[in-house]
Amino acid sequence: MDDAHVADVVVAGAGHNSLITAAYLAKAGYRCLVLEANERPGGGAVTEELLLPGYAIDTCATGHTLIRTNPLLATDELGIAGDLVYVDPDPVAHVAFPDGDHFTMWLDPEATAAEFGRFSKADAEAYRRLLAEWDEVKSVFSEAQHTLVGLGPSLDQRLAEHPRGRVWQRRRMLSAWDVIRSEFEHDKSRSLLLWMAFQTNQAVDVPGTGVLASSIVAGRQRHSWSILLGGTGRLVDALVDYIEARDGEVRSGHPVERLLVDDGRCVGVETDAGEQFFARRAVVSTIHITHLLDMAPPGSWPEELEYAVRTYDVGIPGFAVYLLSDVAPEFETPGGPVTAVSAGTVGWPDEVLRLSSDLRLGRRITDVSWLLVATPTLVDAGRAPSGHHTVKLLSQQVYDLPGGPGEWAKEKEAHARRQLEHLRRFAPGYTDDHVLAALVKSPVDIEAANRHMVHGTFHGGDRGLAQSGPWRPAPGWAAHRMPLAGLYQTGATTNPGGSITGAPGRNAARILLADLGHDPDEVLRPAADAAVTPA
């Protein structure tokens, strides 16, 4: 077998998590071969010229707030943090309400509290309390997120030892709406927090989402909606460069279609073109868990995994509108126009709750009760020609229409038009004559562009009680080892889930390194301090 088809570790999929896993393995001296289905690596972390040359658009993820607390970057374990320049936009966010009133969130927490105070002095105090209470436990949640399931204290165990842990044990079992309505009294305060909580496309009215009422807003208060200069794809570029500088390789245009199994062990993969690639040590998969099981011979998986996959909730699909323009959306307020990298509109609480319910029931969304408007060029002008902007409208939607998913081809433009007209109620200057180009992606289009985004979902599946922590992706299989010997799973369908966190990739690396005979803590020591013995 020629060297081009053999590596120490073969990795199926080049999302940011699997690249992180491969980078840590490369640091330990293993030659990694990463095979990506699309024409460029990155998965949901790509930056592309989707519409016109010179306009760089983050196709999916833009905000990097969560990954900045990952030791990967926080302590620079790979030595790549110096290549990544982050900006913390201020204002953090700006949201318009149905009555034309607005809310601006600032990096100064007191300025943000004052915004709540315009509606309710009690809510201003509640906001200060929210930040203080999250500050008390944020390290507990972060440590649990970066602890392998079964190989360290669970989140519940950690909370049980915390002075106020029982409050948080209860709070995390509630819905985000339960938490918000118990702490805040004014509908505008509640709507603003529901807008924040819904940004990971997790239903805000179901048990198990309670922490979203605190974690997202507190994270944004600290780091804003962190923007990586040059685009999300710069993270991918840094990881690819790291792997390839250590004798590894990342090959695009190689969709993996089959796992190669020999005597109960995964020994490699086969692409759609019939090419076979073999792994001396291990195979790492970031393939969506609902696709993975069909890639191995029948009888390869235990009943509990098959059942978990059969009942796996792929989550709430997304709908995206990409715009290039010669102005940014300016929201009209009594104090003058406001622009923000992360902006949007939100309905009253009952409208957002109805949206959440309708999405779970599969009812097509025709109104606009929640909208995220991302304009990263406000702080990263290099993504577009001088004075121009990239704007992305994101919302939730359903995959199936009455006439089937194919009906989106004729319906998506009308829905995008409704969203633009709705936005112009609050940003009237953002008119058609300022829009240079546009692209609309329905859930069907999102899935077609990236098959890991099943039904057009961005975050790898619902993160409710049945699919979180030790239950993700299946009870008994949450520690990244799979039932097939030699096969490891990472990515958004594994714990702790989607978004740009890097946690699944780092956690998978830890378990794989341990199985290969390394001390993971030694390998993961900051690059400047590490003295790793090559494999």
Protein backbone atom coordinates (compact mmCIF):
# COMPACT_ATOMS: atom_id res chain seq x y z
CA MET A 1 0.00 0.00 0.00
CA ASP A 2 1.46 3.38 -1.04
CA ASP A 3 2.07 6.06 1.57
CA ALA A 4 -0.58 8.32 0.01
CA HIS A 5 -3.27 5.91 1.23
CA VAL A 6 -1.88 5.12 4.70
CA ALA A 7 -1.49 7.30 7.77
CA ASP A 8 -1.24 6.85 11.50
CA VAL A 9 -4.68 8.40 11.89
CA VAL A 10 -7.32 8.85 9.19
CA VAL A 11 -9.90 11.54 9.88
CA ALA A 12 -13.28 11.59 8.11
CA GLY A 13 -14.43 15.19 7.79
CA ALA A 14 -12.58 18.48 8.23
CA GLY A 15 -14.84 20.50 10.49
CA HIS A 16 -13.10 22.62 13.10
CA ASN A 17 -13.51 19.92 15.77
CA SER A 18 -11.93 17.09 13.78
CA LEU A 19 -9.12 19.42 12.71
CA ILE A 20 -8.49 20.22 16.37
CA THR A 21 -8.35 16.50 17.18
CA ALA A 22 -5.92 15.94 14.31
CA ALA A 23 -3.78 18.90 15.35
CA TYR A 24 -3.30 17.56 18.87
CA LEU A 25 -2.42 14.14 17.45
CA ALA A 26 0.04 15.81 15.10
CA LYS A 27 1.56 17.56 18.10
CA ALA A 28 2.12 14.11 19.63
CA GLY A 29 3.95 13.00 16.48
CA TYR A 30 1.25 11.16 14.55
CA ARG A 31 0.82 11.59 10.80
CA CYS A 32 -2.82 12.50 10.17
CA LEU A 33 -4.69 12.31 6.89
CA VAL A 34 -7.92 14.34 6.92
CA LEU A 35 -10.51 13.69 4.21
CA GLU A 36 -13.13 16.37 3.56
CA ALA A 37 -16.21 15.95 1.35
CA ASN A 38 -16.45 19.60 0.28
CA GLU A 39 -14.01 21.53 -1.88
CA ARG A 40 -12.57 23.33 1.13
CA PRO A 41 -12.05 22.25 4.75
CA GLY A 42 -13.91 23.79 7.66
CA GLY A 43 -17.46 22.43 7.69
CA GLY A 44 -19.53 25.11 9.41
CA ALA A 45 -16.44 27.26 9.99
CA VAL A 46 -15.72 28.39 6.44
CA THR A 47 -15.35 31.87 4.97
CA GLU A 48 -16.17 32.08 1.26
CA GLU A 49 -16.73 34.54 -1.56
CA LEU A 50 -20.27 33.30 -2.04
CA LEU A 51 -21.51 36.18 -4.18
CA LEU A 52 -18.85 38.53 -5.60
CA PRO A 53 -15.04 38.59 -5.54
CA GLY A 54 -13.62 40.55 -2.66
CA TYR A 55 -16.56 39.93 -0.30
CA ALA A 56 -15.70 37.31 2.34
CA ILE A 57 -18.75 35.75 3.97
CA ASP A 58 -18.88 33.38 6.92
CA THR A 59 -21.21 30.83 5.41
CA CYS A 60 -22.35 29.53 8.78
CA ALA A 61 -20.58 30.46 12.04
CA THR A 62 -19.38 34.01 12.71
CA GLY A 63 -19.22 34.53 16.49
CA HIS A 64 -16.26 32.95 18.33
CA THR A 65 -17.19 33.89 21.88
CA LEU A 66 -17.28 30.30 23.17
CA ILE A 67 -14.00 28.99 21.76
CA ARG A 68 -12.05 31.80 23.37
CA THR A 69 -12.47 30.13 26.77
CA ASN A 70 -11.25 26.77 25.40
CA PRO A 71 -7.69 26.03 26.64
CA LEU A 72 -6.85 25.46 22.96
CA LEU A 73 -6.74 29.26 22.66
CA ALA A 74 -6.94 30.47 26.26
CA THR A 75 -3.55 28.90 27.11
CA ASP A 76 -2.47 28.48 23.46
CA GLU A 77 -1.91 24.73 23.63
CA LEU A 78 -1.02 24.50 19.93
CA GLY A 79 0.78 27.81 19.59
CA ILE A 80 -1.71 29.13 17.02
CA ALA A 81 -3.42 31.82 19.09
CA GLY A 82 -0.92 34.44 17.96
CA ASP A 83 -2.12 33.96 14.37
CA LEU A 84 -5.74 34.67 15.33
CA VAL A 85 -6.74 38.27 16.02
CA TYR A 86 -10.07 38.79 17.74
CA VAL A 87 -12.18 41.92 18.05
CA ASP A 88 -14.86 42.37 20.72
CA PRO A 89 -17.47 44.65 19.10
CA ASP A 90 -19.10 47.40 21.12
CA PRO A 91 -22.06 47.63 21.14
CA VAL A 92 -22.38 43.92 21.77
CA ALA A 93 -25.87 43.73 20.27
CA HIS A 94 -28.82 45.85 19.26
CA VAL A 95 -32.40 44.57 19.16
CA ALA A 96 -35.65 46.17 17.97
CA PHE A 97 -39.05 45.39 19.54
CA PRO A 98 -42.42 45.30 17.76
CA ASP A 99 -43.45 48.71 19.10
CA GLY A 100 -40.38 50.39 17.60
CA ASP A 101 -38.47 50.61 20.87
CA HIS A 102 -34.89 49.33 20.96
CA PHE A 103 -32.35 47.78 23.31
CA THR A 104 -28.58 48.24 23.02
CA MET A 105 -26.21 45.94 24.87
CA TRP A 106 -22.78 47.40 25.65
CA LEU A 107 -19.51 45.89 26.84
CA ASP A 108 -19.88 48.07 29.92
CA PRO A 109 -22.24 45.95 32.07
CA GLU A 110 -23.57 49.01 33.85
CA ALA A 111 -24.54 50.59 30.53
CA THR A 112 -26.39 47.37 29.66
CA ALA A 113 -28.07 47.28 33.06
CA ALA A 114 -29.20 50.86 32.47
CA GLU A 115 -30.94 49.70 29.30
CA PHE A 116 -32.91 47.16 31.35
CA GLY A 117 -33.57 49.97 33.80
CA ARG A 118 -35.44 51.93 31.13
CA PHE A 119 -38.09 49.22 31.34
CA SER A 120 -37.82 48.19 34.98
CA LYS A 121 -35.49 49.04 37.84
CA ALA A 122 -36.08 45.54 39.19
CA ASP A 123 -34.92 44.09 35.87
CA ALA A 124 -31.74 46.15 35.99
CA GLU A 125 -30.99 44.57 39.37
CA ALA A 126 -31.97 41.16 38.02
CA TYR A 127 -29.45 41.60 35.21
CA ARG A 128 -26.66 42.49 37.62
CA ARG A 129 -27.63 39.44 39.65
CA LEU A 130 -27.62 37.23 36.53
CA LEU A 131 -24.04 38.24 35.74
CA ALA A 132 -22.86 37.80 39.31
CA GLU A 133 -24.49 34.40 39.72
CA TRP A 134 -23.09 33.12 36.43
CA ASP A 135 -19.66 34.40 37.40
CA GLU A 136 -19.84 32.19 40.50
CA VAL A 137 -20.37 28.98 38.50
CA LYS A 138 -19.00 29.63 35.01
CA SER A 139 -15.78 27.76 35.78
CA VAL A 140 -17.83 24.74 36.91
CA PHE A 141 -19.68 24.62 33.60
CA SER A 142 -16.52 25.24 31.59
CA GLU A 143 -14.56 22.53 33.39
CA ALA A 144 -17.40 20.06 32.88
CA GLN A 145 -17.55 20.95 29.19
CA HIS A 146 -13.87 20.10 28.83
CA THR A 147 -14.01 16.92 30.91
CA LEU A 148 -14.46 13.57 29.22
CA VAL A 149 -17.71 11.87 30.16
CA GLY A 150 -16.98 9.11 32.67
CA LEU A 151 -13.38 10.17 33.20
CA GLY A 152 -13.90 13.02 35.62
CA PRO A 153 -16.58 14.61 37.76
CA SER A 154 -19.84 15.19 35.93
CA LEU A 155 -21.50 18.58 35.86
CA ASP A 156 -24.01 17.45 38.49
CA GLN A 157 -21.20 16.20 40.73
CA ARG A 158 -19.37 19.48 40.38
CA LEU A 159 -22.51 21.48 41.13
CA ALA A 160 -23.28 19.31 44.16
CA GLU A 161 -20.01 20.49 45.70
CA HIS A 162 -20.65 24.17 44.95
CA PRO A 163 -22.23 26.38 47.66
CA ARG A 164 -25.07 27.37 45.33
CA GLY A 165 -24.90 24.29 43.15
CA ARG A 166 -28.36 23.02 43.98
CA VAL A 167 -29.86 26.23 42.62
CA TRP A 168 -28.07 25.59 39.34
CA GLN A 169 -28.98 21.90 39.32
CA ARG A 170 -32.58 23.04 39.32
CA ARG A 171 -32.02 25.94 36.95
CA ARG A 172 -30.40 23.83 34.24
CA MET A 173 -33.37 21.43 34.25
CA LEU A 174 -35.82 24.27 33.63
CA SER A 175 -36.47 25.85 30.25
CA ALA A 176 -34.83 29.12 29.29
CA TRP A 177 -38.29 30.70 29.39
CA ASP A 178 -38.93 29.38 32.92
CA VAL A 179 -35.73 31.02 34.13
CA ILE A 180 -36.30 34.30 32.30
CA ARG A 181 -39.88 34.78 33.44
CA SER A 182 -38.99 33.94 37.05
CA GLU A 183 -36.22 36.58 37.16
CA PHE A 184 -37.41 39.41 34.87
CA GLU A 185 -40.75 41.19 34.95
CA HIS A 186 -40.96 43.39 31.84
CA ASP A 187 -41.87 41.92 28.44
CA LYS A 188 -39.06 43.81 26.70
CA SER A 189 -36.50 42.41 29.11
CA ARG A 190 -37.94 38.96 28.59
CA SER A 191 -38.00 39.30 24.80
CA LEU A 192 -34.40 40.50 24.69
CA LEU A 193 -33.23 37.50 26.73
CA LEU A 194 -35.28 35.09 24.63
CA TRP A 195 -33.62 36.54 21.52
CA MET A 196 -30.22 35.82 23.08
CA ALA A 197 -31.16 32.33 24.30
CA PHE A 198 -32.47 31.29 20.87
CA GLN A 199 -29.18 32.01 19.09
CA THR A 200 -28.04 28.38 19.18
CA ASN A 201 -31.38 27.29 17.66
CA GLN A 202 -32.36 25.40 20.81
CA ALA A 203 -36.06 25.57 21.67
CA VAL A 204 -36.40 28.04 24.53
CA ASP A 205 -39.51 26.50 26.08
CA VAL A 206 -38.36 22.92 26.73
CA PRO A 207 -36.73 21.52 29.88
CA GLY A 208 -32.95 21.45 29.87
CA THR A 209 -32.38 24.82 28.19
CA GLY A 210 -32.39 26.87 31.38
CA VAL A 211 -28.67 27.58 31.38
CA LEU A 212 -29.01 29.37 28.02
CA ALA A 213 -30.79 32.19 29.85
CA SER A 214 -27.51 32.95 31.62
CA SER A 215 -24.57 31.49 29.73
CA ILE A 216 -25.06 33.18 26.37
CA VAL A 217 -25.83 36.66 27.65
CA ALA A 218 -23.03 36.54 30.26
CA GLY A 219 -20.56 35.29 27.67
CA ARG A 220 -21.51 38.10 25.33
CA GLN A 221 -21.27 40.61 28.15
CA ARG A 222 -17.67 39.54 28.69
CA HIS A 223 -16.42 38.92 25.14
CA SER A 224 -19.15 40.43 22.97
CA TRP A 225 -19.86 38.52 19.75
CA SER A 226 -16.17 37.84 19.19
CA ILE A 227 -15.14 38.39 15.59
CA LEU A 228 -12.06 36.72 14.12
CA LEU A 229 -10.40 39.20 11.78
CA GLY A 230 -10.40 37.83 8.25
CA GLY A 231 -13.32 35.50 8.91
CA THR A 232 -14.10 32.28 10.72
CA GLY A 233 -12.07 30.40 8.11
CA ARG A 234 -8.85 31.82 9.58
CA LEU A 235 -9.22 29.35 12.45
CA VAL A 236 -9.45 26.50 9.95
CA ASP A 237 -6.45 27.81 8.01
CA ALA A 238 -4.36 27.88 11.19
CA LEU A 239 -5.32 24.31 12.06
CA VAL A 240 -4.67 23.01 8.54
CA ASP A 241 -1.27 24.73 8.47
CA TYR A 242 -0.42 23.19 11.85
CA ILE A 243 -1.31 19.67 10.68
CA GLU A 244 0.47 19.96 7.34
CA ALA A 245 3.60 21.42 8.95
CA ARG A 246 3.83 18.13 10.87
CA ASP A 247 3.73 15.77 7.88
CA GLY A 248 -0.07 15.57 7.87
CA GLU A 249 -2.40 16.25 4.98
CA VAL A 250 -5.90 17.65 4.49
CA ARG A 251 -7.54 16.53 1.25
CA SER A 252 -10.73 18.19 0.06
CA GLY A 253 -13.21 16.69 -2.38
CA HIS A 254 -12.98 13.24 -0.75
CA PRO A 255 -16.42 12.31 0.65
CA VAL A 256 -16.17 9.28 2.93
CA GLU A 257 -18.88 6.75 2.15
CA ARG A 258 -17.85 3.62 4.03
CA LEU A 259 -15.93 2.47 7.08
CA LEU A 260 -13.48 -0.36 6.45
CA VAL A 261 -13.89 -3.00 9.13
CA ASP A 262 -11.63 -6.02 9.70
CA ASP A 263 -12.43 -8.51 12.45
CA GLY A 264 -14.50 -5.99 14.42
CA ARG A 265 -11.98 -3.17 14.12
CA CYS A 266 -12.24 -0.03 12.01
CA VAL A 267 -9.05 0.03 9.94
CA GLY A 268 -9.81 2.78 7.44
CA VAL A 269 -12.37 4.43 5.19
CA GLU A 270 -13.51 4.34 1.57
CA THR A 271 -14.55 7.42 -0.42
CA ASP A 272 -17.37 7.75 -2.93
CA ALA A 273 -14.80 7.28 -5.70
CA GLY A 274 -13.80 3.91 -4.26
CA GLU A 275 -10.44 5.04 -2.88
CA GLN A 276 -9.46 3.28 0.32
CA PHE A 277 -7.39 4.88 3.05
CA PHE A 278 -5.97 2.87 5.94
CA ALA A 279 -5.07 3.90 9.48
CA ARG A 280 -2.24 2.34 11.44
CA ARG A 281 -3.55 3.56 14.80
CA ALA A 282 -7.10 4.94 14.63
CA VAL A 283 -9.91 6.41 12.57
CA VAL A 284 -11.59 9.64 13.72
CA SER A 285 -15.06 10.50 12.41
CA THR A 286 -16.89 13.80 12.44
CA ILE A 287 -19.63 12.36 10.23
CA HIS A 288 -23.13 13.10 11.49
CA ILE A 289 -24.13 10.30 13.82
CA THR A 290 -27.33 9.63 11.85
CA HIS A 291 -25.19 8.87 8.76
CA LEU A 292 -22.38 6.98 10.45
CA LEU A 293 -24.23 3.80 11.27
CA ASP A 294 -25.05 3.05 7.62
CA MET A 295 -21.35 3.19 6.75
CA ALA A 296 -20.41 -0.03 8.56
CA PRO A 297 -21.50 -3.63 7.92
CA PRO A 298 -24.76 -4.78 9.53
CA GLY A 299 -24.30 -5.98 13.08
CA SER A 300 -21.44 -3.56 13.78
CA TRP A 301 -23.39 -1.53 16.33
CA PRO A 302 -25.05 -2.44 19.64
CA GLU A 303 -28.80 -2.08 20.02
CA GLU A 304 -28.59 0.93 22.34
CA LEU A 305 -26.62 2.95 19.80
CA GLU A 306 -28.93 2.01 16.95
CA TYR A 307 -31.94 3.01 19.05
CA ALA A 308 -30.37 6.32 20.05
CA VAL A 309 -29.63 7.14 16.42
CA ARG A 310 -33.09 6.11 15.28
CA THR A 311 -34.60 8.51 17.83
CA TYR A 312 -31.96 11.24 17.45
CA ASP A 313 -33.45 14.73 17.19
CA VAL A 314 -31.45 16.56 14.50
CA GLY A 315 -32.59 19.91 15.86
CA ILE A 316 -34.13 23.09 14.48
CA PRO A 317 -33.21 23.95 10.88
CA GLY A 318 -31.86 27.33 9.85
CA PHE A 319 -32.71 29.81 7.09
CA ALA A 320 -30.04 32.19 5.79
CA VAL A 321 -30.04 35.31 3.60
CA TYR A 322 -26.65 36.65 2.48
CA LEU A 323 -26.44 40.26 1.31
CA LEU A 324 -23.72 42.51 -0.07
CA SER A 325 -24.38 46.22 0.25
CA ASP A 326 -22.81 49.65 0.19
CA VAL A 327 -24.31 50.53 3.59
CA ALA A 328 -24.80 48.65 6.86
CA PRO A 329 -28.28 48.28 8.39
CA GLU A 330 -28.82 51.32 10.61
CA PHE A 331 -31.51 51.01 13.26
CA GLU A 332 -33.42 54.22 13.89
CA THR A 333 -33.71 55.05 17.58
CA PRO A 334 -34.72 58.20 19.51
CA GLY A 335 -31.04 58.75 20.26
CA GLY A 336 -29.99 58.47 16.62
CA PRO A 337 -28.98 55.64 14.26
CA VAL A 338 -27.32 52.53 15.74
CA THR A 339 -25.30 49.85 13.97
CA ALA A 340 -24.08 46.62 15.54
CA VAL A 341 -22.21 43.55 14.35
CA SER A 342 -24.83 41.44 16.11
CA ALA A 343 -28.28 42.98 15.73
CA GLY A 344 -31.79 41.79 15.18
CA THR A 345 -35.48 41.98 15.87
CA VAL A 346 -37.64 40.04 18.28
CA GLY A 347 -41.35 39.65 18.98
CA TRP A 348 -43.10 39.69 22.33
CA PRO A 349 -42.53 36.66 24.57
CA ASP A 350 -45.73 34.90 23.50
CA GLU A 351 -44.68 35.27 19.85
CA VAL A 352 -41.22 33.80 20.49
CA LEU A 353 -42.76 30.94 22.48
CA ARG A 354 -45.20 30.26 19.65
CA LEU A 355 -42.25 30.23 17.23
CA SER A 356 -40.47 27.68 19.42
CA SER A 357 -43.57 25.49 19.61
CA ASP A 358 -44.32 25.74 15.88
CA LEU A 359 -40.77 24.74 15.00
CA ARG A 360 -40.97 21.64 17.17
CA LEU A 361 -44.31 20.74 15.62
CA GLY A 362 -42.97 21.23 12.09
CA ARG A 363 -45.23 24.16 11.20
CA ARG A 364 -43.88 26.42 8.50
CA ILE A 365 -42.82 29.84 9.79
CA THR A 366 -44.25 32.72 7.76
CA ASP A 367 -43.94 35.63 10.20
CA VAL A 368 -40.75 37.20 11.54
CA SER A 369 -40.76 37.00 15.33
CA TRP A 370 -37.00 36.39 15.65
CA LEU A 371 -34.20 37.58 13.38
CA LEU A 372 -30.43 37.83 13.74
CA VAL A 373 -28.68 40.41 11.55
CA ALA A 374 -24.91 39.90 11.40
CA THR A 375 -22.68 42.60 9.89
CA PRO A 376 -19.06 41.65 10.73
CA THR A 377 -17.65 44.24 8.31
CA LEU A 378 -18.52 46.93 10.87
CA VAL A 379 -15.38 45.86 12.77
CA ASP A 380 -13.56 43.89 10.07
CA ALA A 381 -13.53 46.14 7.02
CA GLY A 382 -11.12 43.86 5.17
CA ARG A 383 -13.93 41.42 4.40
CA ALA A 384 -15.34 43.74 1.72
CA PRO A 385 -14.27 46.59 -0.56
CA SER A 386 -13.93 49.97 1.12
CA GLY A 387 -17.23 51.23 2.53
CA HIS A 388 -19.08 48.04 1.66
CA HIS A 389 -20.57 45.37 3.90
CA THR A 390 -21.51 41.72 4.15
CA VAL A 391 -24.80 41.17 5.95
CA LYS A 392 -26.29 37.86 7.01
CA LEU A 393 -29.88 37.33 8.14
CA LEU A 394 -30.31 34.15 10.18
CA SER A 395 -33.52 32.62 11.50
CA GLN A 396 -35.17 29.33 12.32
CA GLN A 397 -37.36 27.40 9.91
CA VAL A 398 -38.75 23.94 9.16
CA TYR A 399 -37.38 21.47 6.63
CA ASP A 400 -40.65 20.02 5.34
CA LEU A 401 -43.32 22.10 3.63
CA PRO A 402 -46.82 20.85 2.74
CA GLY A 403 -45.57 19.99 -0.74
CA GLY A 404 -42.36 18.45 0.59
CA PRO A 405 -38.86 19.89 1.02
CA GLY A 406 -38.57 20.55 -2.71
CA GLU A 407 -41.19 23.29 -2.35
CA TRP A 408 -38.52 25.52 -0.79
CA ALA A 409 -37.08 26.18 -4.26
CA LYS A 410 -40.07 28.37 -5.11
CA GLU A 411 -40.86 29.63 -1.60
CA LYS A 412 -37.51 30.75 -0.21
CA GLU A 413 -37.27 34.08 -2.06
CA ALA A 414 -40.68 35.18 -0.80
CA HIS A 415 -39.71 34.36 2.78
CA ALA A 416 -36.45 36.27 2.40
CA ARG A 417 -38.43 39.24 1.06
CA ARG A 418 -40.69 39.16 4.15
CA GLN A 419 -37.62 39.26 6.37
CA LEU A 420 -36.10 42.20 4.52
CA GLU A 421 -39.36 44.16 4.64
CA HIS A 422 -39.60 43.42 8.35
CA LEU A 423 -36.02 44.61 8.94
CA ARG A 424 -36.76 47.84 7.08
CA ARG A 425 -39.44 48.73 9.63
CA PHE A 426 -36.53 49.41 12.00
CA ALA A 427 -33.69 50.11 9.54
CA PRO A 428 -35.56 51.98 6.77
CA GLY A 429 -32.40 53.12 5.01
CA TYR A 430 -31.40 49.56 4.13
CA THR A 431 -33.24 49.63 0.81
CA ASP A 432 -32.95 47.53 -2.34
CA ASP A 433 -30.88 50.16 -4.13
CA HIS A 434 -28.12 49.63 -1.56
CA VAL A 435 -28.09 45.82 -1.98
CA LEU A 436 -25.54 44.76 -4.59
CA ALA A 437 -26.12 41.00 -4.50
CA ALA A 438 -28.10 38.45 -2.52
CA LEU A 439 -28.26 34.72 -1.94
CA VAL A 440 -31.00 32.84 -0.08
CA LYS A 441 -30.45 29.41 1.49
CA SER A 442 -33.39 27.38 2.71
CA PRO A 443 -32.86 24.40 5.02
CA VAL A 444 -32.70 22.21 1.91
CA ASP A 445 -29.92 24.35 0.42
CA ILE A 446 -27.98 24.33 3.69
CA GLU A 447 -28.12 20.53 3.81
CA ALA A 448 -27.11 20.25 0.16
CA ALA A 449 -24.04 22.41 0.77
CA ASN A 450 -22.96 20.44 3.84
CA ARG A 451 -24.43 17.01 4.41
CA HIS A 452 -23.37 17.11 8.06
CA MET A 453 -26.07 19.80 8.50
CA VAL A 454 -28.89 17.29 8.35
CA HIS A 455 -32.19 18.96 7.40
CA GLY A 456 -30.36 22.29 7.38
CA THR A 457 -29.51 22.28 11.09
CA PHE A 458 -26.36 24.17 12.13
CA HIS A 459 -25.69 22.74 15.59
CA GLY A 460 -25.50 18.96 15.20
CA GLY A 461 -28.77 18.16 16.92
CA ASP A 462 -30.98 19.22 19.78
CA ARG A 463 -29.24 19.66 23.15
CA GLY A 464 -32.20 18.97 25.40
CA LEU A 465 -32.08 16.54 28.30
CA ALA A 466 -32.06 13.43 26.08
CA GLN A 467 -29.07 14.60 24.03
CA SER A 468 -26.75 16.32 26.48
CA GLY A 469 -23.74 15.24 28.51
CA PRO A 470 -23.59 11.46 28.97
CA TRP A 471 -26.54 11.00 26.62
CA ARG A 472 -24.88 12.59 23.56
CA PRO A 473 -24.91 11.04 21.04
CA ALA A 474 -26.09 7.96 22.95
CA PRO A 475 -26.04 6.58 26.49
CA GLY A 476 -22.83 4.65 27.01
CA TRP A 477 -21.07 6.18 24.03
CA ALA A 478 -20.46 9.78 25.04
CA ALA A 479 -16.70 9.49 25.64
CA HIS A 480 -15.83 9.65 21.92
CA ARG A 481 -14.89 5.96 21.66
CA MET A 482 -17.27 4.07 19.39
CA PRO A 483 -18.30 0.41 19.60
CA LEU A 484 -16.01 -0.46 16.68
CA ALA A 485 -12.49 -0.75 18.03
CA GLY A 486 -10.20 1.85 16.53
CA LEU A 487 -13.04 4.29 15.74
CA TYR A 488 -13.51 7.60 17.55
CA GLN A 489 -16.27 10.15 17.06
CA THR A 490 -16.10 13.94 17.44
CA GLY A 491 -17.98 16.94 16.08
CA ALA A 492 -21.28 18.62 16.85
CA THR A 493 -23.20 15.39 17.46
CA THR A 494 -20.90 14.59 20.38
CA ASN A 495 -20.68 16.19 23.81
CA PRO A 496 -20.98 19.12 24.46
CA GLY A 497 -22.53 19.85 21.04
CA GLY A 498 -22.43 22.42 18.26
CA SER A 499 -21.27 26.03 17.86
CA ILE A 500 -17.65 27.14 17.52
CA THR A 501 -16.36 25.80 20.85
CA GLY A 502 -13.67 23.30 19.84
CA ALA A 503 -14.63 21.31 22.95
CA PRO A 504 -15.67 18.08 21.16
CA GLY A 505 -12.41 18.13 19.17
CA ARG A 506 -10.21 18.68 22.20
CA ASN A 507 -12.08 16.10 24.27
CA ALA A 508 -11.80 13.48 21.52
CA ALA A 509 -8.07 14.14 21.30
CA ARG A 510 -7.67 13.57 25.02
CA ILE A 511 -9.28 10.13 24.99
CA LEU A 512 -7.45 9.06 21.84
CA LEU A 513 -4.09 10.20 23.18
CA ALA A 514 -4.70 8.27 26.40
CA ASP A 515 -5.60 5.14 24.42
CA LEU A 516 -2.40 5.54 22.40
CA GLY A 517 -0.36 5.52 25.59
CA HIS A 518 0.20 9.25 26.15
CA ASP A 519 -0.41 11.46 29.12
CA PRO A 520 -2.93 13.87 27.55
CA ASP A 521 -2.03 16.63 29.99
CA GLU A 522 1.56 16.47 28.81
CA VAL A 523 0.60 16.71 25.15
CA LEU A 524 -1.91 19.48 25.81
CA ARG A 525 0.47 21.64 27.80
CA PRO A 526 0.83 25.09 26.23
CA ALA A 527 3.06 24.93 23.18
CA ALA A 528 5.79 27.06 24.72
CA ASP A 529 6.07 24.69 27.70
CA ALA A 530 5.43 21.30 26.16
CA ALA A 531 8.13 18.74 25.61
CA VAL A 532 6.20 16.03 23.79
CA THR A 533 7.90 12.75 23.02
CA PRO A 534 7.17 11.92 19.36
CA ALA A 535 5.03 8.85 18.70
